Amino acid sequence: MARDHTGNVLFHGRDAFTPSTSRLAAELRGIIWVLQSANDLHFHTGAHANTIARDIAKNVLKDGRFQSYLALGGPAWLHQRIAAEASRQD
């Protein structure tokens, strides 16, 4: 997820992945995809600057999800976090 200087969401990424042979393989594919996407958008952001993306990944792994919930609008906690971080940017 990428936001502007006021906290408004500019980009969010999603992709469909084929099944992986193991959890480690799936995690590595996800990391590679994130790095390639960030590079394509010319972003060079540290991990501390996007805690929401890290929390989405943790939530997906914890719940054992196989499809992204972002396409459906995301969970309530996500909207609350985005709004809270945006208000801190003002």
N, C-alpha and C. Protein backbone atom coordinates (compact mmCIF):
# COMPACT_ATOMS: atom_id res chain seq x y z
N MET A 1 0.85 -1.15 0.00
CA MET A 1 0.00 0.00 0.00
C MET A 1 0.90 1.22 0.00
N ALA A 2 0.62 2.15 -0.86
CA ALA A 2 1.41 3.38 -0.93
C ALA A 2 0.48 4.57 -0.74
N ARG A 3 0.93 5.50 0.11
CA ARG A 3 0.13 6.68 0.39
C ARG A 3 0.92 7.94 0.09
N ASP A 4 0.19 9.04 -0.11
CA ASP A 4 0.86 10.31 -0.33
C ASP A 4 1.21 10.95 1.01
N HIS A 5 1.75 12.16 0.97
CA HIS A 5 2.22 12.82 2.18
C HIS A 5 1.10 13.16 3.16
N THR A 6 -0.16 13.11 2.72
CA THR A 6 -1.28 13.37 3.63
C THR A 6 -1.91 12.09 4.13
N GLY A 7 -1.41 10.95 3.70
CA GLY A 7 -1.92 9.67 4.16
C GLY A 7 -2.97 9.04 3.27
N ASN A 8 -3.32 9.70 2.19
CA ASN A 8 -4.31 9.12 1.26
C ASN A 8 -3.69 7.97 0.48
N VAL A 9 -4.43 6.89 0.35
CA VAL A 9 -3.94 5.72 -0.36
C VAL A 9 -3.90 6.02 -1.85
N LEU A 10 -2.71 5.84 -2.46
CA LEU A 10 -2.53 6.06 -3.89
C LEU A 10 -2.57 4.75 -4.66
N PHE A 11 -1.89 3.74 -4.12
CA PHE A 11 -1.79 2.45 -4.79
C PHE A 11 -1.93 1.34 -3.77
N HIS A 12 -2.55 0.27 -4.16
CA HIS A 12 -2.46 -0.96 -3.38
C HIS A 12 -2.38 -2.09 -4.40
N GLY A 13 -1.61 -3.06 -4.04
CA GLY A 13 -1.37 -4.13 -4.99
C GLY A 13 -2.07 -5.40 -4.58
N ARG A 14 -2.38 -6.20 -5.57
CA ARG A 14 -2.89 -7.53 -5.32
C ARG A 14 -2.52 -8.38 -6.51
N ASP A 15 -2.46 -9.65 -6.28
CA ASP A 15 -2.10 -10.56 -7.34
C ASP A 15 -2.66 -11.93 -6.99
N ALA A 16 -2.76 -12.77 -7.96
CA ALA A 16 -3.20 -14.15 -7.75
C ALA A 16 -1.98 -15.05 -7.87
N PHE A 17 -1.81 -15.90 -6.91
CA PHE A 17 -0.69 -16.81 -6.91
C PHE A 17 -1.19 -18.24 -7.02
N THR A 18 -0.46 -19.03 -7.75
CA THR A 18 -0.78 -20.46 -7.82
C THR A 18 -0.34 -21.10 -6.51
N PRO A 19 -0.89 -22.26 -6.18
CA PRO A 19 -0.52 -22.93 -4.93
C PRO A 19 0.99 -23.18 -4.86
N SER A 20 1.52 -23.06 -3.66
CA SER A 20 2.93 -23.31 -3.43
C SER A 20 3.12 -24.67 -2.77
N THR A 21 4.32 -25.16 -2.87
CA THR A 21 4.62 -26.47 -2.29
C THR A 21 4.79 -26.42 -0.78
N SER A 22 5.06 -25.22 -0.26
CA SER A 22 5.23 -25.08 1.19
C SER A 22 4.95 -23.64 1.60
N ARG A 23 4.80 -23.45 2.88
CA ARG A 23 4.58 -22.10 3.41
C ARG A 23 5.78 -21.20 3.11
N LEU A 24 6.97 -21.73 3.28
CA LEU A 24 8.18 -20.94 3.01
C LEU A 24 8.23 -20.49 1.56
N ALA A 25 7.91 -21.39 0.64
CA ALA A 25 7.90 -21.03 -0.78
C ALA A 25 6.88 -19.93 -1.05
N ALA A 26 5.72 -20.03 -0.42
CA ALA A 26 4.69 -19.00 -0.60
C ALA A 26 5.14 -17.65 -0.05
N GLU A 27 5.76 -17.66 1.12
CA GLU A 27 6.25 -16.42 1.71
C GLU A 27 7.33 -15.78 0.85
N LEU A 28 8.23 -16.59 0.34
CA LEU A 28 9.30 -16.05 -0.51
C LEU A 28 8.75 -15.48 -1.80
N ARG A 29 7.76 -16.16 -2.39
CA ARG A 29 7.13 -15.62 -3.61
C ARG A 29 6.46 -14.29 -3.32
N GLY A 30 5.81 -14.19 -2.16
CA GLY A 30 5.17 -12.94 -1.78
C GLY A 30 6.17 -11.82 -1.59
N ILE A 31 7.28 -12.11 -0.95
CA ILE A 31 8.33 -11.11 -0.73
C ILE A 31 8.90 -10.64 -2.06
N ILE A 32 9.17 -11.57 -2.94
CA ILE A 32 9.70 -11.21 -4.27
C ILE A 32 8.71 -10.34 -5.02
N TRP A 33 7.41 -10.69 -4.95
CA TRP A 33 6.39 -9.90 -5.63
C TRP A 33 6.34 -8.48 -5.08
N VAL A 34 6.39 -8.35 -3.77
CA VAL A 34 6.36 -7.01 -3.15
C VAL A 34 7.56 -6.18 -3.60
N LEU A 35 8.73 -6.78 -3.58
CA LEU A 35 9.94 -6.05 -3.97
C LEU A 35 9.89 -5.64 -5.45
N GLN A 36 9.41 -6.54 -6.29
CA GLN A 36 9.30 -6.20 -7.72
C GLN A 36 8.27 -5.09 -7.94
N SER A 37 7.15 -5.16 -7.23
CA SER A 37 6.12 -4.13 -7.36
C SER A 37 6.63 -2.77 -6.89
N ALA A 38 7.30 -2.75 -5.76
CA ALA A 38 7.85 -1.50 -5.24
C ALA A 38 8.88 -0.92 -6.20
N ASN A 39 9.70 -1.77 -6.76
CA ASN A 39 10.69 -1.32 -7.73
C ASN A 39 10.03 -0.77 -8.99
N ASP A 40 8.99 -1.46 -9.47
CA ASP A 40 8.27 -0.99 -10.65
C ASP A 40 7.66 0.40 -10.44
N LEU A 41 7.23 0.68 -9.22
CA LEU A 41 6.64 1.98 -8.89
C LEU A 41 7.70 3.00 -8.45
N HIS A 42 8.95 2.57 -8.44
CA HIS A 42 10.08 3.42 -8.06
C HIS A 42 9.99 3.85 -6.59
N PHE A 43 9.50 2.94 -5.75
CA PHE A 43 9.45 3.19 -4.31
C PHE A 43 10.64 2.53 -3.66
N HIS A 44 11.24 3.24 -2.75
CA HIS A 44 12.37 2.71 -1.99
C HIS A 44 12.07 3.03 -0.52
N THR A 45 11.03 2.36 0.02
CA THR A 45 10.48 2.63 1.35
C THR A 45 10.93 1.58 2.34
N GLY A 46 11.33 1.99 3.52
CA GLY A 46 11.72 1.06 4.57
C GLY A 46 10.51 0.36 5.17
N ALA A 47 10.74 -0.78 5.80
CA ALA A 47 9.64 -1.56 6.39
C ALA A 47 8.89 -0.78 7.46
N HIS A 48 9.58 0.08 8.19
CA HIS A 48 8.93 0.85 9.25
C HIS A 48 7.92 1.86 8.71
N ALA A 49 8.00 2.16 7.43
CA ALA A 49 7.12 3.17 6.83
C ALA A 49 5.79 2.59 6.38
N ASN A 50 5.64 1.27 6.41
CA ASN A 50 4.39 0.69 5.94
C ASN A 50 3.98 -0.48 6.83
N THR A 51 3.64 -0.16 8.06
CA THR A 51 3.26 -1.21 9.00
C THR A 51 1.93 -1.85 8.63
N ILE A 52 1.06 -1.13 7.93
CA ILE A 52 -0.22 -1.71 7.53
C ILE A 52 -0.01 -2.91 6.60
N ALA A 53 0.87 -2.78 5.64
CA ALA A 53 1.14 -3.90 4.72
C ALA A 53 1.66 -5.11 5.48
N ARG A 54 2.52 -4.87 6.45
CA ARG A 54 3.06 -5.97 7.25
C ARG A 54 1.94 -6.63 8.07
N ASP A 55 1.04 -5.81 8.61
CA ASP A 55 -0.08 -6.36 9.39
C ASP A 55 -1.06 -7.14 8.52
N ILE A 56 -1.27 -6.70 7.28
CA ILE A 56 -2.12 -7.45 6.35
C ILE A 56 -1.50 -8.83 6.11
N ALA A 57 -0.21 -8.86 5.86
CA ALA A 57 0.47 -10.14 5.60
C ALA A 57 0.37 -11.06 6.82
N LYS A 58 0.58 -10.52 8.02
CA LYS A 58 0.48 -11.32 9.23
C LYS A 58 -0.94 -11.87 9.40
N ASN A 59 -1.93 -11.03 9.14
CA ASN A 59 -3.32 -11.43 9.30
C ASN A 59 -3.69 -12.53 8.33
N VAL A 60 -3.24 -12.42 7.09
CA VAL A 60 -3.52 -13.43 6.08
C VAL A 60 -2.89 -14.76 6.48
N LEU A 61 -1.65 -14.73 6.95
CA LEU A 61 -0.97 -15.96 7.36
C LEU A 61 -1.62 -16.56 8.60
N LYS A 62 -1.97 -15.71 9.55
CA LYS A 62 -2.57 -16.19 10.80
C LYS A 62 -3.91 -16.88 10.54
N ASP A 63 -4.70 -16.31 9.67
CA ASP A 63 -6.03 -16.85 9.38
C ASP A 63 -6.01 -17.95 8.32
N GLY A 64 -4.84 -18.22 7.73
CA GLY A 64 -4.72 -19.27 6.72
C GLY A 64 -5.53 -18.98 5.46
N ARG A 65 -5.58 -17.72 5.08
CA ARG A 65 -6.37 -17.34 3.91
C ARG A 65 -5.64 -17.73 2.63
N PHE A 66 -6.41 -18.10 1.62
CA PHE A 66 -5.84 -18.46 0.34
C PHE A 66 -6.18 -17.45 -0.74
N GLN A 67 -7.07 -16.51 -0.41
CA GLN A 67 -7.41 -15.44 -1.34
C GLN A 67 -7.38 -14.11 -0.59
N SER A 68 -7.08 -13.07 -1.31
CA SER A 68 -7.00 -11.75 -0.70
C SER A 68 -8.39 -11.25 -0.35
N TYR A 69 -8.49 -10.61 0.80
CA TYR A 69 -9.75 -9.98 1.17
C TYR A 69 -9.76 -8.51 0.78
N LEU A 70 -8.68 -7.99 0.25
CA LEU A 70 -8.62 -6.58 -0.14
C LEU A 70 -9.56 -6.27 -1.30
N ALA A 71 -9.74 -7.22 -2.19
CA ALA A 71 -10.63 -7.00 -3.33
C ALA A 71 -12.07 -6.81 -2.88
N LEU A 72 -12.39 -7.30 -1.69
CA LEU A 72 -13.74 -7.17 -1.14
C LEU A 72 -13.88 -5.93 -0.27
N GLY A 73 -12.87 -5.10 -0.24
CA GLY A 73 -12.93 -3.87 0.56
C GLY A 73 -12.12 -3.94 1.83
N GLY A 74 -11.73 -5.13 2.23
CA GLY A 74 -10.89 -5.28 3.41
C GLY A 74 -11.69 -5.31 4.70
N PRO A 75 -11.05 -5.77 5.77
CA PRO A 75 -11.71 -5.84 7.07
C PRO A 75 -11.80 -4.46 7.73
N ALA A 76 -12.66 -4.35 8.73
CA ALA A 76 -12.87 -3.07 9.41
C ALA A 76 -11.59 -2.52 10.02
N TRP A 77 -10.75 -3.41 10.59
CA TRP A 77 -9.53 -2.91 11.23
C TRP A 77 -8.62 -2.20 10.24
N LEU A 78 -8.65 -2.65 8.97
CA LEU A 78 -7.81 -2.04 7.95
C LEU A 78 -8.24 -0.60 7.68
N HIS A 79 -9.53 -0.39 7.53
CA HIS A 79 -10.05 0.95 7.28
C HIS A 79 -9.76 1.88 8.46
N GLN A 80 -9.89 1.34 9.66
CA GLN A 80 -9.61 2.14 10.86
C GLN A 80 -8.14 2.53 10.92
N ARG A 81 -7.25 1.61 10.60
CA ARG A 81 -5.81 1.90 10.61
C ARG A 81 -5.44 2.94 9.57
N ILE A 82 -6.01 2.80 8.36
CA ILE A 82 -5.72 3.78 7.30
C ILE A 82 -6.18 5.16 7.72
N ALA A 83 -7.39 5.26 8.27
CA ALA A 83 -7.91 6.56 8.71
C ALA A 83 -7.07 7.13 9.85
N ALA A 84 -6.66 6.30 10.78
CA ALA A 84 -5.85 6.77 11.90
C ALA A 84 -4.50 7.28 11.44
N GLU A 85 -3.85 6.56 10.55
CA GLU A 85 -2.55 7.01 10.05
C GLU A 85 -2.68 8.25 9.19
N ALA A 86 -3.76 8.36 8.42
CA ALA A 86 -3.97 9.54 7.61
C ALA A 86 -4.17 10.78 8.50
N SER A 87 -4.89 10.62 9.61
CA SER A 87 -5.12 11.76 10.49
C SER A 87 -3.84 12.19 11.20
N ARG A 88 -2.93 11.26 11.43
CA ARG A 88 -1.62 11.62 12.04
C ARG A 88 -0.75 12.40 11.07
N GLN A 89 -1.00 12.25 9.76
CA GLN A 89 -0.20 12.94 8.76
C GLN A 89 -0.61 14.41 8.62
N ASP A 90 -1.83 14.76 9.06
CA ASP A 90 -2.33 16.13 8.90
C ASP A 90 -1.57 17.10 9.79
